[in-house]
C-alpha atoms as a PDB file:
ATOM      1  CA  UNK A   1       9.310  22.400   2.172  1.00  0.00           C
ATOM      2  CA  UNK A   2      12.194  23.302   4.084  1.00  0.00           C
ATOM      3  CA  UNK A   3      11.887  20.023   5.897  1.00  0.00           C
ATOM      4  CA  UNK A   4      12.044  18.127   2.609  1.00  0.00           C
ATOM      5  CA  UNK A   5      14.991  20.631   0.857  1.00  0.00           C
ATOM      6  CA  UNK A   6      17.315  20.123   3.865  1.00  0.00           C
ATOM      7  CA  UNK A   7      17.433  16.511   3.464  1.00  0.00           C
ATOM      8  CA  UNK A   8      18.984  17.084  -0.345  1.00  0.00           C
ATOM      9  CA  UNK A   9      22.613  16.661  -1.258  1.00  0.00           C
ATOM     10  CA  UNK A  10      22.951  17.431  -4.432  1.00  0.00           C
ATOM     11  CA  UNK A  11      20.567  19.363  -7.062  1.00  0.00           C
ATOM     12  CA  UNK A  12      18.431  16.632  -8.767  1.00  0.00           C
ATOM     13  CA  UNK A  13      17.896  16.174 -12.651  1.00  0.00           C
ATOM     14  CA  UNK A  14      14.930  17.972 -13.441  1.00  0.00           C
ATOM     15  CA  UNK A  15      12.384  15.270 -14.187  1.00  0.00           C
ATOM     16  CA  UNK A  16      11.009  14.427 -17.548  1.00  0.00           C
ATOM     17  CA  UNK A  17       8.922  11.681 -19.791  1.00  0.00           C
ATOM     18  CA  UNK A  18      11.009   9.083 -20.548  1.00  0.00           C
ATOM     19  CA  UNK A  19       8.981   6.952 -22.497  1.00  0.00           C
ATOM     20  CA  UNK A  20       6.750   8.007 -25.916  1.00  0.00           C
ATOM     21  CA  UNK A  21       3.534   6.650 -25.061  1.00  0.00           C
ATOM     22  CA  UNK A  22       1.739   7.080 -28.296  1.00  0.00           C
ATOM     23  CA  UNK A  23       2.331   3.842 -30.103  1.00  0.00           C
ATOM     24  CA  UNK A  24       1.917   1.629 -27.087  1.00  0.00           C
ATOM     25  CA  UNK A  25      -2.058   3.012 -26.663  1.00  0.00           C
ATOM     26  CA  UNK A  26      -3.109   1.124 -29.232  1.00  0.00           C
ATOM     27  CA  UNK A  27      -2.142  -2.037 -27.484  1.00  0.00           C
ATOM     28  CA  UNK A  28      -3.978  -1.271 -24.731  1.00  0.00           C
ATOM     29  CA  UNK A  29      -7.618  -3.240 -23.706  1.00  0.00           C
ATOM     30  CA  UNK A  30      -9.420  -0.260 -21.684  1.00  0.00           C
ATOM     31  CA  UNK A  31     -12.181  -1.187 -19.015  1.00  0.00           C
ATOM     32  CA  UNK A  32     -15.554   0.063 -19.999  1.00  0.00           C
ATOM     33  CA  UNK A  33     -17.625   2.252 -17.655  1.00  0.00           C
ATOM     34  CA  UNK A  34     -15.101   3.954 -15.948  1.00  0.00           C
ATOM     35  CA  UNK A  35     -14.643   7.718 -15.190  1.00  0.00           C
ATOM     36  CA  UNK A  36     -11.227   7.806 -15.426  1.00  0.00           C
ATOM     37  CA  UNK A  37      -9.094   5.337 -18.375  1.00  0.00           C
ATOM     38  CA  UNK A  38      -8.249   1.841 -16.260  1.00  0.00           C
ATOM     39  CA  UNK A  39      -6.758  -0.831 -18.769  1.00  0.00           C
ATOM     40  CA  UNK A  40      -7.625  -4.484 -18.489  1.00  0.00           C
ATOM     41  CA  UNK A  41      -5.167  -6.068 -17.519  1.00  0.00           C
ATOM     42  CA  UNK A  42      -5.879  -9.589 -17.637  1.00  0.00           C
ATOM     43  CA  UNK A  43      -6.437  -8.721 -21.491  1.00  0.00           C
ATOM     44  CA  UNK A  44      -3.461  -7.653 -22.283  1.00  0.00           C
ATOM     45  CA  UNK A  45      -0.532  -9.889 -24.118  1.00  0.00           C
ATOM     46  CA  UNK A  46       2.756  -9.601 -22.720  1.00  0.00           C
ATOM     47  CA  UNK A  47       5.912 -11.053 -24.111  1.00  0.00           C
ATOM     48  CA  UNK A  48       7.629 -14.374 -23.350  1.00  0.00           C
ATOM     49  CA  UNK A  49       8.313 -14.759 -19.407  1.00  0.00           C
ATOM     50  CA  UNK A  50      11.782 -15.060 -19.672  1.00  0.00           C
ATOM     51  CA  UNK A  51      12.331 -11.863 -21.722  1.00  0.00           C
ATOM     52  CA  UNK A  52      13.229  -9.539 -18.938  1.00  0.00           C
ATOM     53  CA  UNK A  53      14.451  -6.648 -21.224  1.00  0.00           C
ATOM     54  CA  UNK A  54      10.764  -7.039 -23.181  1.00  0.00           C
ATOM     55  CA  UNK A  55       8.911  -7.274 -19.868  1.00  0.00           C
ATOM     56  CA  UNK A  56      10.279  -4.277 -18.767  1.00  0.00           C
ATOM     57  CA  UNK A  57       9.835  -2.508 -21.741  1.00  0.00           C
ATOM     58  CA  UNK A  58       6.445  -3.277 -22.511  1.00  0.00           C
ATOM     59  CA  UNK A  59       5.092  -2.699 -18.699  1.00  0.00           C
ATOM     60  CA  UNK A  60       6.958   1.014 -18.585  1.00  0.00           C
ATOM     61  CA  UNK A  61       4.997   1.751 -22.092  1.00  0.00           C
ATOM     62  CA  UNK A  62       2.043   0.445 -20.896  1.00  0.00           C
ATOM     63  CA  UNK A  63       2.258   2.510 -18.086  1.00  0.00           C
ATOM     64  CA  UNK A  64       3.259   5.970 -19.850  1.00  0.00           C
ATOM     65  CA  UNK A  65       0.409   5.640 -22.101  1.00  0.00           C
ATOM     66  CA  UNK A  66      -2.129   4.991 -19.308  1.00  0.00           C
ATOM     67  CA  UNK A  67      -0.783   7.885 -17.217  1.00  0.00           C
ATOM     68  CA  UNK A  68      -1.001  10.357 -20.473  1.00  0.00           C
ATOM     69  CA  UNK A  69      -4.380   9.075 -21.352  1.00  0.00           C
ATOM     70  CA  UNK A  70      -5.260   9.666 -17.389  1.00  0.00           C
ATOM     71  CA  UNK A  71      -3.789  12.886 -17.483  1.00  0.00           C
ATOM     72  CA  UNK A  72      -5.890  14.132 -20.454  1.00  0.00           C
ATOM     73  CA  UNK A  73      -8.870  13.109 -18.982  1.00  0.00           C
ATOM     74  CA  UNK A  74      -8.232  15.458 -15.915  1.00  0.00           C
ATOM     75  CA  UNK A  75      -8.143  18.719 -15.362  1.00  0.00           C
ATOM     76  CA  UNK A  76      -5.532  20.932 -16.731  1.00  0.00           C
ATOM     77  CA  UNK A  77      -2.290  20.852 -14.777  1.00  0.00           C
ATOM     78  CA  UNK A  78      -1.803  16.904 -14.816  1.00  0.00           C
ATOM     79  CA  UNK A  79       1.293  15.724 -16.637  1.00  0.00           C
ATOM     80  CA  UNK A  80       3.810  12.185 -16.393  1.00  0.00           C
ATOM     81  CA  UNK A  81       6.999  12.486 -14.762  1.00  0.00           C
ATOM     82  CA  UNK A  82       9.768   9.968 -14.152  1.00  0.00           C
ATOM     83  CA  UNK A  83      12.933   8.977 -12.452  1.00  0.00           C
ATOM     84  CA  UNK A  84      15.078   5.886 -11.952  1.00  0.00           C
ATOM     85  CA  UNK A  85      12.256   3.484 -10.625  1.00  0.00           C
ATOM     86  CA  UNK A  86       8.853   5.815 -10.590  1.00  0.00           C
ATOM     87  CA  UNK A  87       6.380   7.075 -12.963  1.00  0.00           C
ATOM     88  CA  UNK A  88       4.415   9.715 -11.130  1.00  0.00           C
ATOM     89  CA  UNK A  89       1.228  11.691 -12.623  1.00  0.00           C
ATOM     90  CA  UNK A  90       0.050  14.453 -10.518  1.00  0.00           C
ATOM     91  CA  UNK A  91      -0.647  18.335 -11.105  1.00  0.00           C
ATOM     92  CA  UNK A  92       2.206  19.512  -8.690  1.00  0.00           C
ATOM     93  CA  UNK A  93       4.612  22.367  -9.655  1.00  0.00           C
ATOM     94  CA  UNK A  94       7.888  21.240 -11.382  1.00  0.00           C
ATOM     95  CA  UNK A  95       9.992  22.066  -8.732  1.00  0.00           C
ATOM     96  CA  UNK A  96       7.723  19.985  -5.822  1.00  0.00           C
ATOM     97  CA  UNK A  97       7.479  17.233  -8.208  1.00  0.00           C
ATOM     98  CA  UNK A  98      11.245  16.796  -8.214  1.00  0.00           C
ATOM     99  CA  UNK A  99      11.071  16.642  -4.338  1.00  0.00           C
ATOM    100  CA  UNK A 100       8.464  14.237  -4.558  1.00  0.00           C
ATOM    101  CA  UNK A 101      10.369  12.186  -7.039  1.00  0.00           C
ATOM    102  CA  UNK A 102      13.722  12.375  -5.090  1.00  0.00           C
ATOM    103  CA  UNK A 103      11.586  11.520  -1.780  1.00  0.00           C
ATOM    104  CA  UNK A 104       9.888   8.458  -3.697  1.00  0.00           C
ATOM    105  CA  UNK A 105      13.354   7.193  -4.497  1.00  0.00           C
ATOM    106  CA  UNK A 106      15.368   7.225  -1.446  1.00  0.00           C
ATOM    107  CA  UNK A 107      12.316   6.326   0.515  1.00  0.00           C
ATOM    108  CA  UNK A 108      12.505   3.184  -1.799  1.00  0.00           C
ATOM    109  CA  UNK A 109      16.097   2.427  -0.664  1.00  0.00           C
ATOM    110  CA  UNK A 110      15.427   2.446   2.691  1.00  0.00           C
ATOM    111  CA  UNK A 111      12.262   0.497   2.798  1.00  0.00           C
ATOM    112  CA  UNK A 112      13.950  -2.434   1.067  1.00  0.00           C
ATOM    113  CA  UNK A 113      16.851  -1.523   3.565  1.00  0.00           C
ATOM    114  CA  UNK A 114      14.898  -1.553   7.022  1.00  0.00           C
ATOM    115  CA  UNK A 115      12.349  -4.756   5.599  1.00  0.00           C
ATOM    116  CA  UNK A 116      15.450  -7.227   4.423  1.00  0.00           C
ATOM    117  CA  UNK A 117      14.308 -10.398   3.598  1.00  0.00           C
ATOM    118  CA  UNK A 118      10.831  -8.899   3.549  1.00  0.00           C
ATOM    119  CA  UNK A 119      10.584  -6.034   1.046  1.00  0.00           C
ATOM    120  CA  UNK A 120      11.518  -6.547  -2.702  1.00  0.00           C
ATOM    121  CA  UNK A 121      11.191  -5.115  -5.610  1.00  0.00           C
ATOM    122  CA  UNK A 122       9.959  -7.781  -8.282  1.00  0.00           C
ATOM    123  CA  UNK A 123       8.225  -7.409 -10.933  1.00  0.00           C
ATOM    124  CA  UNK A 124       8.435  -5.256 -14.018  1.00  0.00           C
ATOM    125  CA  UNK A 125       8.299  -1.588 -15.161  1.00  0.00           C
ATOM    126  CA  UNK A 126       8.526   1.287 -12.921  1.00  0.00           C
ATOM    127  CA  UNK A 127       6.389   1.668  -9.684  1.00  0.00           C
ATOM    128  CA  UNK A 128       3.383   4.093 -10.751  1.00  0.00           C
ATOM    129  CA  UNK A 129       2.712   6.581  -8.363  1.00  0.00           C
ATOM    130  CA  UNK A 130      -0.694   8.869  -8.834  1.00  0.00           C
ATOM    131  CA  UNK A 131      -1.235  12.319  -6.983  1.00  0.00           C
ATOM    132  CA  UNK A 132      -4.795  13.570  -7.381  1.00  0.00           C
ATOM    133  CA  UNK A 133      -5.275  17.355  -6.680  1.00  0.00           C
ATOM    134  CA  UNK A 134      -8.096  16.751  -4.690  1.00  0.00           C
ATOM    135  CA  UNK A 135     -10.112  14.079  -2.297  1.00  0.00           C
ATOM    136  CA  UNK A 136     -13.025  14.222  -4.625  1.00  0.00           C
ATOM    137  CA  UNK A 137     -11.079  12.784  -7.227  1.00  0.00           C
ATOM    138  CA  UNK A 138      -8.910  10.594  -5.355  1.00  0.00           C
ATOM    139  CA  UNK A 139     -12.226   8.741  -4.263  1.00  0.00           C
ATOM    140  CA  UNK A 140     -13.451   8.414  -7.944  1.00  0.00           C
ATOM    141  CA  UNK A 141     -10.253   6.892  -9.016  1.00  0.00           C
ATOM    142  CA  UNK A 142      -9.902   4.344  -6.067  1.00  0.00           C
ATOM    143  CA  UNK A 143     -13.859   3.342  -6.235  1.00  0.00           C
ATOM    144  CA  UNK A 144     -13.263   1.883  -9.627  1.00  0.00           C
ATOM    145  CA  UNK A 145     -11.349  -0.766  -7.906  1.00  0.00           C
ATOM    146  CA  UNK A 146     -14.593  -2.228  -5.859  1.00  0.00           C
ATOM    147  CA  UNK A 147     -12.567  -1.782  -2.385  1.00  0.00           C
ATOM    148  CA  UNK A 148     -15.061  -0.839   0.238  1.00  0.00           C
ATOM    149  CA  UNK A 149     -12.112   1.545   1.824  1.00  0.00           C
ATOM    150  CA  UNK A 150     -13.163   3.711  -1.661  1.00  0.00           C
ATOM    151  CA  UNK A 151     -16.162   4.704   0.184  1.00  0.00           C
ATOM    152  CA  UNK A 152     -15.847   8.241   1.904  1.00  0.00           C
ATOM    153  CA  UNK A 153     -17.596   7.134   5.264  1.00  0.00           C
ATOM    154  CA  UNK A 154     -14.443   4.111   5.350  1.00  0.00           C
ATOM    155  CA  UNK A 155     -11.687   6.909   5.275  1.00  0.00           C
ATOM    156  CA  UNK A 156      -8.574   6.747   3.369  1.00  0.00           C
ATOM    157  CA  UNK A 157      -5.280   8.728   3.464  1.00  0.00           C
ATOM    158  CA  UNK A 158      -3.805   6.752  -0.044  1.00  0.00           C
ATOM    159  CA  UNK A 159      -4.046   3.669  -1.316  1.00  0.00           C
ATOM    160  CA  UNK A 160      -1.584   0.851  -2.663  1.00  0.00           C
ATOM    161  CA  UNK A 161      -3.977  -0.960  -5.520  1.00  0.00           C
ATOM    162  CA  UNK A 162      -2.535  -4.401  -5.854  1.00  0.00           C
ATOM    163  CA  UNK A 163      -4.489  -4.985  -9.348  1.00  0.00           C
ATOM    164  CA  UNK A 164      -2.994  -5.908 -12.725  1.00  0.00           C
ATOM    165  CA  UNK A 165      -0.271  -2.740 -12.807  1.00  0.00           C
ATOM    166  CA  UNK A 166       0.199  -2.419  -8.741  1.00  0.00           C
ATOM    167  CA  UNK A 167       0.659   1.412  -8.048  1.00  0.00           C
ATOM    168  CA  UNK A 168      -0.434   3.421  -5.384  1.00  0.00           C
ATOM    169  CA  UNK A 169      -2.595   6.869  -5.076  1.00  0.00           C
ATOM    170  CA  UNK A 170      -3.536   9.866  -2.716  1.00  0.00           C
ATOM    171  CA  UNK A 171      -4.389  13.425  -2.565  1.00  0.00           C
ATOM    172  CA  UNK A 172      -2.482  16.131  -2.927  1.00  0.00           C
ATOM    173  CA  UNK A 173      -1.392  17.934  -0.112  1.00  0.00           C
ATOM    174  CA  UNK A 174       1.394  19.807   1.811  1.00  0.00           C
ATOM    175  CA  UNK A 175       4.560  17.523   2.166  1.00  0.00           C
ATOM    176  CA  UNK A 176       4.289  17.186   5.714  1.00  0.00           C
ATOM    177  CA  UNK A 177       1.394  15.017   5.149  1.00  0.00           C
ATOM    178  CA  UNK A 178       2.089  13.374   2.325  1.00  0.00           C
ATOM    179  CA  UNK A 179       5.338  12.394   3.306  1.00  0.00           C
ATOM    180  CA  UNK A 180       3.514   9.291   5.987  1.00  0.00           C
ATOM    181  CA  UNK A 181       1.441   8.404   2.976  1.00  0.00           C
ATOM    182  CA  UNK A 182       4.446   7.845   0.685  1.00  0.00           C
ATOM    183  CA  UNK A 183       6.121   5.514   3.023  1.00  0.00           C
ATOM    184  CA  UNK A 184       3.265   3.421   4.316  1.00  0.00           C
ATOM    185  CA  UNK A 185       1.711   2.782   0.461  1.00  0.00           C
ATOM    186  CA  UNK A 186       5.382   2.485  -1.059  1.00  0.00           C
ATOM    187  CA  UNK A 187       5.680  -0.522   1.778  1.00  0.00           C
ATOM    188  CA  UNK A 188       2.480  -2.320   0.637  1.00  0.00           C
ATOM    189  CA  UNK A 189       4.059  -1.903  -3.086  1.00  0.00           C
ATOM    190  CA  UNK A 190       7.712  -3.322  -1.652  1.00  0.00           C
ATOM    191  CA  UNK A 191       5.621  -6.565  -0.026  1.00  0.00           C
ATOM    192  CA  UNK A 192       3.111  -7.122  -2.944  1.00  0.00           C
ATOM    193  CA  UNK A 193       4.934 -10.602  -3.816  1.00  0.00           C
ATOM    194  CA  UNK A 194       4.033 -11.776  -0.417  1.00  0.00           C
ATOM    195  CA  UNK A 195       0.472 -13.111   0.330  1.00  0.00           C
ATOM    196  CA  UNK A 196       0.358 -12.254   3.971  1.00  0.00           C
ATOM    197  CA  UNK A 197      -2.571 -11.136   5.715  1.00  0.00           C
ATOM    198  CA  UNK A 198      -3.777  -7.556   5.915  1.00  0.00           C
ATOM    199  CA  UNK A 199      -3.217  -7.476   9.695  1.00  0.00           C
ATOM    200  CA  UNK A 200       0.647  -8.011   8.874  1.00  0.00           C
ATOM    201  CA  UNK A 201       0.968  -5.811   5.900  1.00  0.00           C
ATOM    202  CA  UNK A 202      -0.645  -3.231   8.001  1.00  0.00           C
ATOM    203  CA  UNK A 203       1.449  -3.921  11.045  1.00  0.00           C
ATOM    204  CA  UNK A 204       5.088  -3.772   8.621  1.00  0.00           C
ATOM    205  CA  UNK A 205       3.495  -0.403   7.084  1.00  0.00           C
ATOM    206  CA  UNK A 206       2.226   1.367   9.789  1.00  0.00           C
ATOM    207  CA  UNK A 207       5.469   0.629  11.604  1.00  0.00           C
ATOM    208  CA  UNK A 208       8.290   1.325   8.904  1.00  0.00           C
ATOM    209  CA  UNK A 209       5.990   4.647   8.196  1.00  0.00           C
ATOM    210  CA  UNK A 210       6.716   5.397  12.108  1.00  0.00           C
ATOM    211  CA  UNK A 211      10.100   4.581  12.008  1.00  0.00           C
ATOM    212  CA  UNK A 212      10.960   7.141   8.891  1.00  0.00           C
ATOM    213  CA  UNK A 213       8.219   9.585   9.750  1.00  0.00           C
ATOM    214  CA  UNK A 214       7.728  10.206  13.508  1.00  0.00           C
ATOM    215  CA  UNK A 215       4.204  11.246  14.365  1.00  0.00           C
ATOM    216  CA  UNK A 216       2.285  12.011  17.367  1.00  0.00           C
ATOM    217  CA  UNK A 217       0.397   9.117  18.738  1.00  0.00           C
ATOM    218  CA  UNK A 218      -3.460   9.294  17.908  1.00  0.00           C
ATOM    219  CA  UNK A 219      -4.420   7.740  21.537  1.00  0.00           C
ATOM    220  CA  UNK A 220      -2.899   8.523  24.741  1.00  0.00           C
ATOM    221  CA  UNK A 221      -1.887   4.785  26.695  1.00  0.00           C
ATOM    222  CA  UNK A 222      -4.925   4.722  29.236  1.00  0.00           C
ATOM    223  CA  UNK A 223      -6.991   5.563  26.358  1.00  0.00           C
ATOM    224  CA  UNK A 224      -5.738   3.084  23.661  1.00  0.00           C
ATOM    225  CA  UNK A 225      -5.955   0.559  26.390  1.00  0.00           C
ATOM    226  CA  UNK A 226      -9.900   1.272  27.794  1.00  0.00           C
ATOM    227  CA  UNK A 227     -10.943   1.689  23.606  1.00  0.00           C
ATOM    228  CA  UNK A 228      -9.216  -1.657  22.765  1.00  0.00           C
ATOM    229  CA  UNK A 229     -11.069  -3.580  25.694  1.00  0.00           C
ATOM    230  CA  UNK A 230     -13.848  -2.143  24.723  1.00  0.00           C
ATOM    231  CA  UNK A 231     -13.996  -2.966  20.811  1.00  0.00           C
ATOM    232  CA  UNK A 232     -12.400  -6.152  20.577  1.00  0.00           C
ATOM    233  CA  UNK A 233     -13.824  -9.627  21.414  1.00  0.00           C
ATOM    234  CA  UNK A 234     -14.646 -13.116  20.184  1.00  0.00           C
ATOM    235  CA  UNK A 235     -16.850 -11.522  17.185  1.00  0.00           C
ATOM    236  CA  UNK A 236     -14.515  -8.557  16.098  1.00  0.00           C
ATOM    237  CA  UNK A 237     -11.150 -10.423  16.570  1.00  0.00           C
ATOM    238  CA  UNK A 238     -12.258 -12.205  13.182  1.00  0.00           C
ATOM    239  CA  UNK A 239     -12.708  -9.477  11.466  1.00  0.00           C
ATOM    240  CA  UNK A 240      -9.018  -8.559  12.363  1.00  0.00           C
ATOM    241  CA  UNK A 241      -7.623 -11.693  11.619  1.00  0.00           C
ATOM    242  CA  UNK A 242      -9.314 -11.614   8.114  1.00  0.00           C
ATOM    243  CA  UNK A 243      -8.660  -7.993   7.096  1.00  0.00           C
ATOM    244  CA  UNK A 244     -12.525  -6.982   7.026  1.00  0.00           C
ATOM    245  CA  UNK A 245     -12.117  -4.572  10.237  1.00  0.00           C
ATOM    246  CA  UNK A 246      -9.406  -2.386   7.976  1.00  0.00           C
ATOM    247  CA  UNK A 247     -12.385  -1.236   5.788  1.00  0.00           C
ATOM    248  CA  UNK A 248     -15.130  -0.504   8.817  1.00  0.00           C
ATOM    249  CA  UNK A 249     -16.609   2.625   9.169  1.00  0.00           C
ATOM    250  CA  UNK A 250     -16.026   3.547  12.427  1.00  0.00           C
ATOM    251  CA  UNK A 251     -13.514   3.269  15.685  1.00  0.00           C
ATOM    252  CA  UNK A 252     -12.662  -0.323  14.519  1.00  0.00           C
ATOM    253  CA  UNK A 253     -10.296   1.226  11.475  1.00  0.00           C
ATOM    254  CA  UNK A 254      -7.696   3.294  13.664  1.00  0.00           C
ATOM    255  CA  UNK A 255      -7.914   0.483  16.253  1.00  0.00           C
ATOM    256  CA  UNK A 256      -7.234  -2.222  13.890  1.00  0.00           C
ATOM    257  CA  UNK A 257      -3.824  -0.071  12.943  1.00  0.00           C
ATOM    258  CA  UNK A 258      -2.974   0.285  16.120  1.00  0.00           C
ATOM    259  CA  UNK A 259      -3.692  -3.325  17.128  1.00  0.00           C
ATOM    260  CA  UNK A 260      -1.649  -4.745  14.343  1.00  0.00           C
ATOM    261  CA  UNK A 261       1.085  -2.025  14.737  1.00  0.00           C
ATOM    262  CA  UNK A 262       1.498  -3.495  18.295  1.00  0.00           C
ATOM    263  CA  UNK A 263       1.882  -7.482  17.345  1.00  0.00           C
ATOM    264  CA  UNK A 264       4.261  -6.380  14.533  1.00  0.00           C
ATOM    265  CA  UNK A 265       6.197  -4.509  16.856  1.00  0.00           C
ATOM    266  CA  UNK A 266       5.828  -7.810  19.180  1.00  0.00           C
ATOM    267  CA  UNK A 267       7.444  -9.625  16.301  1.00  0.00           C
ATOM    268  CA  UNK A 268      10.205  -7.185  15.328  1.00  0.00           C
ATOM    269  CA  UNK A 269      12.209  -8.094  18.806  1.00  0.00           C
ATOM    270  CA  UNK A 270      13.310 -10.918  16.728  1.00  0.00           C
ATOM    271  CA  UNK A 271      13.748  -9.732  13.400  1.00  0.00           C
ATOM    272  CA  UNK A 272      14.741 -12.556  11.621  1.00  0.00           C
ATOM    273  CA  UNK A 273      11.803 -14.545  13.336  1.00  0.00           C
ATOM    274  CA  UNK A 274       9.568 -11.940  12.043  1.00  0.00           C
ATOM    275  CA  UNK A 275      11.112 -12.077   8.474  1.00  0.00           C
ATOM    276  CA  UNK A 276      10.559 -15.959   8.623  1.00  0.00           C
ATOM    277  CA  UNK A 277       6.513 -15.749   9.537  1.00  0.00           C
ATOM    278  CA  UNK A 278       6.305 -12.942   6.555  1.00  0.00           C
ATOM    279  CA  UNK A 279       7.591 -15.656   4.047  1.00  0.00           C
ATOM    280  CA  UNK A 280       5.563 -18.227   5.969  1.00  0.00           C
ATOM    281  CA  UNK A 281       2.120 -16.322   6.443  1.00  0.00           C
ATOM    282  CA  UNK A 282      -1.277 -16.496   4.283  1.00  0.00           C
ATOM    283  CA  UNK A 283      -3.884 -14.077   4.276  1.00  0.00           C
ATOM    284  CA  UNK A 284      -6.747 -17.073   3.708  1.00  0.00           C
ATOM    285  CA  UNK A 285      -5.813 -18.200   7.152  1.00  0.00           C
ATOM    286  CA  UNK A 286      -4.627 -14.516   8.574  1.00  0.00           C
ATOM    287  CA  UNK A 287      -1.291 -16.121   9.600  1.00  0.00           C
ATOM    288  CA  UNK A 288      -2.652 -18.865  11.784  1.00  0.00           C
ATOM    289  CA  UNK A 289      -0.988 -22.027  10.638  1.00  0.00           C
ATOM    290  CA  UNK A 290       2.707 -19.769  10.079  1.00  0.00           C
ATOM    291  CA  UNK A 291       2.407 -18.922  13.281  1.00  0.00           C
ATOM    292  CA  UNK A 292       2.394 -22.266  14.842  1.00  0.00           C
ATOM    293  CA  UNK A 293       5.508 -23.518  12.376  1.00  0.00           C
ATOM    294  CA  UNK A 294       7.414 -20.117  12.899  1.00  0.00           C
ATOM    295  CA  UNK A 295       6.480 -18.958  15.787  1.00  0.00           C
ATOM    296  CA  UNK A 296       5.567 -21.998  18.176  1.00  0.00           C
ATOM    297  CA  UNK A 297       2.421 -20.219  19.360  1.00  0.00           C
ATOM    298  CA  UNK A 298      -0.891 -19.465  17.764  1.00  0.00           C
ATOM    299  CA  UNK A 299      -2.254 -15.881  16.806  1.00  0.00           C
ATOM    300  CA  UNK A 300      -4.561 -16.064  20.005  1.00  0.00           C
ATOM    301  CA  UNK A 301      -1.713 -16.203  22.280  1.00  0.00           C
ATOM    302  CA  UNK A 302       0.061 -13.041  20.466  1.00  0.00           C
ATOM    303  CA  UNK A 303      -3.090 -11.551  20.765  1.00  0.00           C
ATOM    304  CA  UNK A 304      -3.169 -11.889  24.774  1.00  0.00           C
ATOM    305  CA  UNK A 305       0.126 -10.650  24.777  1.00  0.00           C
ATOM    306  CA  UNK A 306      -1.346  -6.961  24.246  1.00  0.00           C
ATOM    307  CA  UNK A 307      -5.032  -7.600  24.430  1.00  0.00           C
ATOM    308  CA  UNK A 308      -5.234  -9.677  27.801  1.00  0.00           C
ATOM    309  CA  UNK A 309      -7.032 -13.048  28.098  1.00  0.00           C
ATOM    310  CA  UNK A 310     -10.097 -13.372  25.673  1.00  0.00           C
ATOM    311  CA  UNK A 311     -11.358 -15.316  23.036  1.00  0.00           C
ATOM    312  CA  UNK A 312      -8.177 -14.413  20.758  1.00  0.00           C
ATOM    313  CA  UNK A 313      -8.422 -17.698  18.164  1.00  0.00           C
ATOM    314  CA  UNK A 314      -8.246 -17.071  14.414  1.00  0.00           C
ATOM    315  CA  UNK A 315     -11.790 -19.130  12.944  1.00  0.00           C
ATOM    316  CA  UNK A 316     -11.106 -18.881   9.354  1.00  0.00           C
ATOM    317  CA  UNK A 317     -13.869 -21.803   8.099  1.00  0.00           C
ATOM    318  CA  UNK A 318     -16.184 -18.683   9.635  1.00  0.00           C
ATOM    319  CA  UNK A 319     -14.734 -16.112   7.025  1.00  0.00           C
ATOM    320  CA  UNK A 320     -16.643 -14.926   3.825  1.00  0.00           C
ATOM    321  CA  UNK A 321     -14.873 -14.940   0.416  1.00  0.00           C
ATOM    322  CA  UNK A 322     -13.600 -11.597  -1.022  1.00  0.00           C
ATOM    323  CA  UNK A 323     -12.978  -8.907   1.100  1.00  0.00           C
ATOM    324  CA  UNK A 324     -13.217 -10.910   4.268  1.00  0.00           C
ATOM    325  CA  UNK A 325     -10.277 -12.713   2.744  1.00  0.00           C
ATOM    326  CA  UNK A 326      -7.510 -10.262   1.771  1.00  0.00           C
ATOM    327  CA  UNK A 327      -8.826  -7.075   0.784  1.00  0.00           C
ATOM    328  CA  UNK A 328      -5.437  -5.865  -1.073  1.00  0.00           C
ATOM    329  CA  UNK A 329      -6.742  -8.901  -3.793  1.00  0.00           C
ATOM    330  CA  UNK A 330      -8.837  -5.853  -5.758  1.00  0.00           C
ATOM    331  CA  UNK A 331     -11.047  -6.326  -8.935  1.00  0.00           C
END
């Protein structure tokens, strides 16, 4: 707690619910057969695209009704509070809630500044954040979105749900464990407008997370080199470029994050080039065409800098649909 409080420059206003949701709830179409209330966003009727103010009001009203309905379905203690850019559902104590909202607001500013020209706050409505009181409830919630990462054997510390009203969720814990999750998932949220491949998305999130919240390395350099050499081959690299390896329940998952981090660090040596690559890259081919067009090299050449010589070329024609072509686009 002290680590968070030292950063405060002035007292924070007490967070309070800003939207009355009762009138909005009647207009929501709810998905059937869910354990918790999940709106069917594809069935909602939105105002005209040109009326931004009306779109914001509608989005915030629906989000408030959604979180209030979720709060009512959860054990006692959950509630909805807001800050200028966030709508938070949690069972945190009032002071802890204020600290978390302050950290969300400051992290949003830092991510937008750090990833200038890449991150953007597009869309309508406040960013929704759900903090569940335990991992069991967290996994039950993300299972609604049909991601393989919602299975306990594929561990997940947090998740940005890119479905309908994009939002991110994680399980409650000590603040020092929630800090990196906030930055990581908020980065995903702020690059949502880009149809980039999973490895680029995760590489941006991991490097931004580590820039804000330095962490002890998972592997020692020699250990990582050994594990990388043993795991990556002509078959597993296709899982990496397609995004599927980030959902593996074995060592392939953390090694995917490590490889993504190292590749984005290579690109970040020329930030303007990285920004142009992010603008051009598409998840359908893992960014292969953009690599040739923007970087002037193939993805295989990029991977060889980290992994050494090997069969690293992306072969999108061999990938199946669904989670193999962008696991961030959920049902």
